[in-house]
PDB file of N, CA and C in Angstrom:
ATOM      1  N   MET A   1      76.211  77.100 172.789  1.00  0.00           N
ATOM      2  CA  MET A   1      76.045  75.656 172.885  1.00  0.00           C
ATOM      3  C   MET A   1      75.871  75.083 171.471  1.00  0.00           C
ATOM      4  N   TYR A   2      76.493  73.950 171.256  1.00  0.00           N
ATOM      5  CA  TYR A   2      76.411  73.278 169.960  1.00  0.00           C
ATOM      6  C   TYR A   2      75.232  72.309 169.937  1.00  0.00           C
ATOM      7  N   PRO A   3      74.721  71.971 168.744  1.00  0.00           N
ATOM      8  CA  PRO A   3      73.583  71.041 168.670  1.00  0.00           C
ATOM      9  C   PRO A   3      73.872  69.693 169.341  1.00  0.00           C
ATOM     10  N   SER A   4      75.122  69.257 169.303  1.00  0.00           N
ATOM     11  CA  SER A   4      75.472  67.969 169.908  1.00  0.00           C
ATOM     12  C   SER A   4      75.912  68.115 171.363  1.00  0.00           C
ATOM     13  N   GLY A   5      75.717  69.306 171.935  1.00  0.00           N
ATOM     14  CA  GLY A   5      76.030  69.530 173.348  1.00  0.00           C
ATOM     15  C   GLY A   5      77.492  69.884 173.564  1.00  0.00           C
ATOM     16  N   ALA A   6      77.921  69.757 174.798  1.00  0.00           N
ATOM     17  CA  ALA A   6      79.309  70.071 175.155  1.00  0.00           C
ATOM     18  C   ALA A   6      80.264  69.128 174.427  1.00  0.00           C
ATOM     19  N   GLN A   7      81.444  69.637 174.123  1.00  0.00           N
ATOM     20  CA  GLN A   7      82.466  68.876 173.411  1.00  0.00           C
ATOM     21  C   GLN A   7      83.611  68.594 174.379  1.00  0.00           C
ATOM     22  N   PHE A   8      84.028  67.344 174.478  1.00  0.00           N
ATOM     23  CA  PHE A   8      85.103  66.961 175.374  1.00  0.00           C
ATOM     24  C   PHE A   8      86.234  66.344 174.568  1.00  0.00           C
ATOM     25  N   GLU A   9      87.398  66.967 174.591  1.00  0.00           N
ATOM     26  CA  GLU A   9      88.543  66.426 173.851  1.00  0.00           C
ATOM     27  C   GLU A   9      89.410  65.620 174.810  1.00  0.00           C
ATOM     28  N   ILE A  10      89.743  64.412 174.383  1.00  0.00           N
ATOM     29  CA  ILE A  10      90.638  63.578 175.177  1.00  0.00           C
ATOM     30  C   ILE A  10      91.827  63.205 174.310  1.00  0.00           C
ATOM     31  N   ARG A  11      92.981  63.083 174.945  1.00  0.00           N
ATOM     32  CA  ARG A  11      94.215  62.760 174.228  1.00  0.00           C
ATOM     33  C   ARG A  11      95.012  61.727 175.010  1.00  0.00           C
ATOM     34  N   HIS A  12      95.716  60.908 174.261  1.00  0.00           N
ATOM     35  CA  HIS A  12      96.673  59.976 174.840  1.00  0.00           C
ATOM     36  C   HIS A  12      97.723  59.701 173.773  1.00  0.00           C
ATOM     37  N   GLY A  13      98.944  60.110 174.042  1.00  0.00           N
ATOM     38  CA  GLY A  13      99.996  59.935 173.037  1.00  0.00           C
ATOM     39  C   GLY A  13      99.591  60.624 171.744  1.00  0.00           C
ATOM     40  N   GLU A  14      99.574  59.879 170.654  1.00  0.00           N
ATOM     41  CA  GLU A  14      99.209  60.441 169.356  1.00  0.00           C
ATOM     42  C   GLU A  14      97.730  60.286 169.034  1.00  0.00           C
ATOM     43  N   HIS A  15      96.943  59.775 169.985  1.00  0.00           N
ATOM     44  CA  HIS A  15      95.500  59.619 169.797  1.00  0.00           C
ATOM     45  C   HIS A  15      94.792  60.877 170.295  1.00  0.00           C
ATOM     46  N   ARG A  16      93.770  61.302 169.539  1.00  0.00           N
ATOM     47  CA  ARG A  16      92.963  62.464 169.941  1.00  0.00           C
ATOM     48  C   ARG A  16      91.526  62.197 169.525  1.00  0.00           C
ATOM     49  N   ALA A  17      90.602  62.395 170.460  1.00  0.00           N
ATOM     50  CA  ALA A  17      89.182  62.175 170.169  1.00  0.00           C
ATOM     51  C   ALA A  17      88.367  63.315 170.756  1.00  0.00           C
ATOM     52  N   THR A  18      87.267  63.634 170.088  1.00  0.00           N
ATOM     53  CA  THR A  18      86.306  64.595 170.613  1.00  0.00           C
ATOM     54  C   THR A  18      85.010  63.845 170.854  1.00  0.00           C
ATOM     55  N   ILE A  19      84.592  63.828 172.109  1.00  0.00           N
ATOM     56  CA  ILE A  19      83.369  63.141 172.516  1.00  0.00           C
ATOM     57  C   ILE A  19      82.306  64.205 172.751  1.00  0.00           C
ATOM     58  N   VAL A  20      81.089  63.961 172.279  1.00  0.00           N
ATOM     59  CA  VAL A  20      80.014  64.939 172.435  1.00  0.00           C
ATOM     60  C   VAL A  20      79.063  64.504 173.552  1.00  0.00           C
ATOM     61  N   GLU A  21      78.420  65.489 174.146  1.00  0.00           N
ATOM     62  CA  GLU A  21      77.519  65.252 175.264  1.00  0.00           C
ATOM     63  C   GLU A  21      76.270  64.470 174.853  1.00  0.00           C
ATOM     64  N   VAL A  22      75.682  64.818 173.719  1.00  0.00           N
ATOM     65  CA  VAL A  22      74.450  64.177 173.270  1.00  0.00           C
ATOM     66  C   VAL A  22      74.763  62.779 172.736  1.00  0.00           C
ATOM     67  N   GLY A  23      74.316  61.768 173.457  1.00  0.00           N
ATOM     68  CA  GLY A  23      74.523  60.380 173.040  1.00  0.00           C
ATOM     69  C   GLY A  23      75.929  59.865 173.255  1.00  0.00           C
ATOM     70  N   ALA A  24      76.803  60.657 173.875  1.00  0.00           N
ATOM     71  CA  ALA A  24      78.204  60.273 174.090  1.00  0.00           C
ATOM     72  C   ALA A  24      78.855  59.828 172.784  1.00  0.00           C
ATOM     73  N   GLY A  25      78.504  60.515 171.690  1.00  0.00           N
ATOM     74  CA  GLY A  25      79.037  60.180 170.379  1.00  0.00           C
ATOM     75  C   GLY A  25      80.481  60.606 170.211  1.00  0.00           C
ATOM     76  N   ILE A  26      81.147  60.018 169.259  1.00  0.00           N
ATOM     77  CA  ILE A  26      82.524  60.372 168.928  1.00  0.00           C
ATOM     78  C   ILE A  26      82.463  61.260 167.692  1.00  0.00           C
ATOM     79  N   ARG A  27      82.689  62.577 167.883  1.00  0.00           N
ATOM     80  CA  ARG A  27      82.608  63.509 166.756  1.00  0.00           C
ATOM     81  C   ARG A  27      83.823  63.394 165.851  1.00  0.00           C
ATOM     82  N   GLU A  28      84.975  63.168 166.451  1.00  0.00           N
ATOM     83  CA  GLU A  28      86.177  62.935 165.653  1.00  0.00           C
ATOM     84  C   GLU A  28      87.171  62.105 166.448  1.00  0.00           C
ATOM     85  N   TYR A  29      87.940  61.319 165.722  1.00  0.00           N
ATOM     86  CA  TYR A  29      88.996  60.506 166.327  1.00  0.00           C
ATOM     87  C   TYR A  29      90.132  60.416 165.330  1.00  0.00           C
ATOM     88  N   ALA A  30      91.336  60.760 165.782  1.00  0.00           N
ATOM     89  CA  ALA A  30      92.502  60.741 164.894  1.00  0.00           C
ATOM     90  C   ALA A  30      93.689  60.126 165.616  1.00  0.00           C
ATOM     91  N   HIS A  31      94.567  59.512 164.844  1.00  0.00           N
ATOM     92  CA  HIS A  31      95.826  58.978 165.356  1.00  0.00           C
ATOM     93  C   HIS A  31      96.946  59.572 164.526  1.00  0.00           C
ATOM     94  N   ALA A  32      97.880  60.226 165.199  1.00  0.00           N
ATOM     95  CA  ALA A  32      99.013  60.884 164.539  1.00  0.00           C
ATOM     96  C   ALA A  32      98.527  61.883 163.486  1.00  0.00           C
ATOM     97  N   GLY A  33      97.408  62.548 163.779  1.00  0.00           N
ATOM     98  CA  GLY A  33      96.870  63.555 162.870  1.00  0.00           C
ATOM     99  C   GLY A  33      96.073  62.996 161.701  1.00  0.00           C
ATOM    100  N   VAL A  34      95.980  61.691 161.604  1.00  0.00           N
ATOM    101  CA  VAL A  34      95.239  61.047 160.508  1.00  0.00           C
ATOM    102  C   VAL A  34      93.883  60.597 161.046  1.00  0.00           C
ATOM    103  N   PRO A  35      92.771  61.059 160.438  1.00  0.00           N
ATOM    104  CA  PRO A  35      91.445  60.659 160.930  1.00  0.00           C
ATOM    105  C   PRO A  35      91.235  59.146 160.856  1.00  0.00           C
ATOM    106  N   VAL A  36      90.788  58.572 161.954  1.00  0.00           N
ATOM    107  CA  VAL A  36      90.436  57.156 161.990  1.00  0.00           C
ATOM    108  C   VAL A  36      88.948  57.013 161.648  1.00  0.00           C
ATOM    109  N   LEU A  37      88.141  57.942 162.185  1.00  0.00           N
ATOM    110  CA  LEU A  37      86.718  58.023 161.854  1.00  0.00           C
ATOM    111  C   LEU A  37      86.495  59.295 161.061  1.00  0.00           C
ATOM    112  N   GLU A  38      85.536  59.284 160.169  1.00  0.00           N
ATOM    113  CA  GLU A  38      85.202  60.503 159.435  1.00  0.00           C
ATOM    114  C   GLU A  38      84.495  61.462 160.393  1.00  0.00           C
ATOM    115  N   PRO A  39      85.098  62.628 160.647  1.00  0.00           N
ATOM    116  CA  PRO A  39      84.482  63.559 161.594  1.00  0.00           C
ATOM    117  C   PRO A  39      83.245  64.234 161.009  1.00  0.00           C
ATOM    118  N   TYR A  40      82.391  64.738 161.888  1.00  0.00           N
ATOM    119  CA  TYR A  40      81.283  65.563 161.423  1.00  0.00           C
ATOM    120  C   TYR A  40      81.469  66.959 161.991  1.00  0.00           C
ATOM    121  N   PRO A  41      80.912  67.981 161.323  1.00  0.00           N
ATOM    122  CA  PRO A  41      81.159  69.375 161.707  1.00  0.00           C
ATOM    123  C   PRO A  41      80.718  69.703 163.135  1.00  0.00           C
ATOM    124  N   LEU A  42      81.412  70.656 163.731  1.00  0.00           N
ATOM    125  CA  LEU A  42      81.142  71.104 165.092  1.00  0.00           C
ATOM    126  C   LEU A  42      79.709  71.598 165.258  1.00  0.00           C
ATOM    127  N   GLY A  43      79.167  72.287 164.252  1.00  0.00           N
ATOM    128  CA  GLY A  43      77.820  72.842 164.343  1.00  0.00           C
ATOM    129  C   GLY A  43      76.730  71.897 163.889  1.00  0.00           C
ATOM    130  N   ALA A  44      77.047  70.610 163.727  1.00  0.00           N
ATOM    131  CA  ALA A  44      76.059  69.640 163.232  1.00  0.00           C
ATOM    132  C   ALA A  44      75.740  68.605 164.299  1.00  0.00           C
ATOM    133  N   MET A  45      74.580  67.994 164.154  1.00  0.00           N
ATOM    134  CA  MET A  45      74.210  66.846 164.979  1.00  0.00           C
ATOM    135  C   MET A  45      74.702  65.592 164.267  1.00  0.00           C
ATOM    136  N   CYS A  46      74.897  64.558 165.025  1.00  0.00           N
ATOM    137  CA  CYS A  46      75.287  63.266 164.459  1.00  0.00           C
ATOM    138  C   CYS A  46      74.154  62.777 163.551  1.00  0.00           C
ATOM    139  N   ASP A  47      74.504  62.350 162.345  1.00  0.00           N
ATOM    140  CA  ASP A  47      73.485  61.830 161.423  1.00  0.00           C
ATOM    141  C   ASP A  47      73.547  60.302 161.401  1.00  0.00           C
ATOM    142  N   GLY A  48      72.418  59.692 161.547  1.00  0.00           N
ATOM    143  CA  GLY A  48      72.368  58.231 161.554  1.00  0.00           C
ATOM    144  C   GLY A  48      73.166  57.667 162.715  1.00  0.00           C
ATOM    145  N   GLY A  49      74.057  56.754 162.440  1.00  0.00           N
ATOM    146  CA  GLY A  49      74.900  56.157 163.478  1.00  0.00           C
ATOM    147  C   GLY A  49      76.301  56.717 163.463  1.00  0.00           C
ATOM    148  N   HIS A  50      76.503  57.840 162.793  1.00  0.00           N
ATOM    149  CA  HIS A  50      77.824  58.463 162.657  1.00  0.00           C
ATOM    150  C   HIS A  50      78.403  58.794 164.037  1.00  0.00           C
ATOM    151  N   GLY A  51      79.497  58.138 164.402  1.00  0.00           N
ATOM    152  CA  GLY A  51      80.165  58.422 165.663  1.00  0.00           C
ATOM    153  C   GLY A  51      79.530  57.829 166.898  1.00  0.00           C
ATOM    154  N   VAL A  52      78.530  57.003 166.725  1.00  0.00           N
ATOM    155  CA  VAL A  52      77.854  56.412 167.889  1.00  0.00           C
ATOM    156  C   VAL A  52      78.609  55.155 168.311  1.00  0.00           C
ATOM    157  N   PRO A  53      79.041  55.066 169.569  1.00  0.00           N
ATOM    158  CA  PRO A  53      79.731  53.862 170.013  1.00  0.00           C
ATOM    159  C   PRO A  53      78.791  52.655 169.982  1.00  0.00           C
ATOM    160  N   LEU A  54      79.259  51.546 169.467  1.00  0.00           N
ATOM    161  CA  LEU A  54      78.455  50.325 169.403  1.00  0.00           C
ATOM    162  C   LEU A  54      78.860  49.416 170.558  1.00  0.00           C
ATOM    163  N   ILE A  55      78.251  49.649 171.695  1.00  0.00           N
ATOM    164  CA  ILE A  55      78.571  48.903 172.903  1.00  0.00           C
ATOM    165  C   ILE A  55      77.307  48.173 173.341  1.00  0.00           C
ATOM    166  N   PRO A  56      77.390  46.851 173.505  1.00  0.00           N
ATOM    167  CA  PRO A  56      76.191  46.136 173.930  1.00  0.00           C
ATOM    168  C   PRO A  56      75.747  46.571 175.322  1.00  0.00           C
ATOM    169  N   GLY A  57      74.461  46.724 175.481  1.00  0.00           N
ATOM    170  CA  GLY A  57      73.900  47.138 176.760  1.00  0.00           C
ATOM    171  C   GLY A  57      73.633  45.947 177.663  1.00  0.00           C
ATOM    172  N   PRO A  58      73.121  46.206 178.847  1.00  0.00           N
ATOM    173  CA  PRO A  58      72.879  45.130 179.806  1.00  0.00           C
ATOM    174  C   PRO A  58      71.875  44.097 179.317  1.00  0.00           C
ATOM    175  N   THR A  59      70.904  44.517 178.507  1.00  0.00           N
ATOM    176  CA  THR A  59      69.916  43.567 177.984  1.00  0.00           C
ATOM    177  C   THR A  59      70.593  42.548 177.073  1.00  0.00           C
ATOM    178  N   ALA A  60      71.510  43.013 176.237  1.00  0.00           N
ATOM    179  CA  ALA A  60      72.221  42.104 175.334  1.00  0.00           C
ATOM    180  C   ALA A  60      73.075  41.119 176.128  1.00  0.00           C
ATOM    181  N   TRP A  61      73.720  41.589 177.176  1.00  0.00           N
ATOM    182  CA  TRP A  61      74.539  40.697 178.008  1.00  0.00           C
ATOM    183  C   TRP A  61      73.672  39.652 178.695  1.00  0.00           C
ATOM    184  N   ARG A  62      72.493  40.076 179.192  1.00  0.00           N
ATOM    185  CA  ARG A  62      71.596  39.121 179.848  1.00  0.00           C
ATOM    186  C   ARG A  62      71.122  38.067 178.860  1.00  0.00           C
ATOM    187  N   ARG A  63      70.741  38.524 177.636  1.00  0.00           N
ATOM    188  CA  ARG A  63      70.285  37.572 176.611  1.00  0.00           C
ATOM    189  C   ARG A  63      71.381  36.583 176.274  1.00  0.00           C
ATOM    190  N   ALA A  64      72.611  37.076 176.117  1.00  0.00           N
ATOM    191  CA  ALA A  64      73.731  36.200 175.760  1.00  0.00           C
ATOM    192  C   ALA A  64      74.012  35.197 176.877  1.00  0.00           C
ATOM    193  N   ALA A  65      73.959  35.650 178.117  1.00  0.00           N
ATOM    194  CA  ALA A  65      74.213  34.752 179.249  1.00  0.00           C
ATOM    195  C   ALA A  65      73.139  33.680 179.333  1.00  0.00           C
ATOM    196  N   THR A  66      71.889  34.071 179.104  1.00  0.00           N
ATOM    197  CA  THR A  66      70.782  33.113 179.151  1.00  0.00           C
ATOM    198  C   THR A  66      70.859  32.147 177.979  1.00  0.00           C
ATOM    199  N   ALA A  67      71.123  32.676 176.792  1.00  0.00           N
ATOM    200  CA  ALA A  67      71.154  31.844 175.590  1.00  0.00           C
ATOM    201  C   ALA A  67      72.299  30.837 175.617  1.00  0.00           C
ATOM    202  N   SER A  68      73.423  31.216 176.209  1.00  0.00           N
ATOM    203  CA  SER A  68      74.568  30.312 176.209  1.00  0.00           C
ATOM    204  C   SER A  68      74.345  29.091 177.098  1.00  0.00           C
ATOM    205  N   THR A  69      73.351  29.146 177.982  1.00  0.00           N
ATOM    206  CA  THR A  69      73.061  27.994 178.833  1.00  0.00           C
ATOM    207  C   THR A  69      72.037  27.058 178.198  1.00  0.00           C
ATOM    208  N   VAL A  70      71.463  27.478 177.073  1.00  0.00           N
ATOM    209  CA  VAL A  70      70.468  26.654 176.383  1.00  0.00           C
ATOM    210  C   VAL A  70      71.196  25.875 175.284  1.00  0.00           C
ATOM    211  N   PRO A  71      71.233  24.557 175.361  1.00  0.00           N
ATOM    212  CA  PRO A  71      72.017  23.749 174.413  1.00  0.00           C
ATOM    213  C   PRO A  71      71.545  23.845 172.967  1.00  0.00           C
ATOM    214  N   SER A  72      70.280  24.214 172.728  1.00  0.00           N
ATOM    215  CA  SER A  72      69.782  24.230 171.344  1.00  0.00           C
ATOM    216  C   SER A  72      70.231  25.464 170.566  1.00  0.00           C
ATOM    217  N   ILE A  73      70.817  26.450 171.221  1.00  0.00           N
ATOM    218  CA  ILE A  73      71.267  27.670 170.530  1.00  0.00           C
ATOM    219  C   ILE A  73      72.750  27.540 170.240  1.00  0.00           C
ATOM    220  N   SER A  74      73.093  27.803 168.988  1.00  0.00           N
ATOM    221  CA  SER A  74      74.484  27.716 168.571  1.00  0.00           C
ATOM    222  C   SER A  74      74.996  29.107 168.223  1.00  0.00           C
ATOM    223  N   TRP A  75      76.069  29.565 168.877  1.00  0.00           N
ATOM    224  CA  TRP A  75      76.668  30.871 168.584  1.00  0.00           C
ATOM    225  C   TRP A  75      77.761  30.688 167.555  1.00  0.00           C
ATOM    226  N   ARG A  76      77.737  31.517 166.526  1.00  0.00           N
ATOM    227  CA  ARG A  76      78.753  31.403 165.459  1.00  0.00           C
ATOM    228  C   ARG A  76      79.457  32.701 165.279  1.00  0.00           C
TER     229      ARG A  76
END
């Protein structure tokens, strides 16, 4: 077992990504053999936010929905 858990490789056309079990991080992503993200080693854990998907959670969606109904808040 690797420090980042099981490794799942997904492919579509010329896209290839390795998703890790711990934190559902993206260990590597390449298009046509060219890295899109800087990969981290198989035997390493993700450092900092390296490979972590930045997807807003339900709390952020609730805040945005609530804030957009308040006229005094301006989204830019």
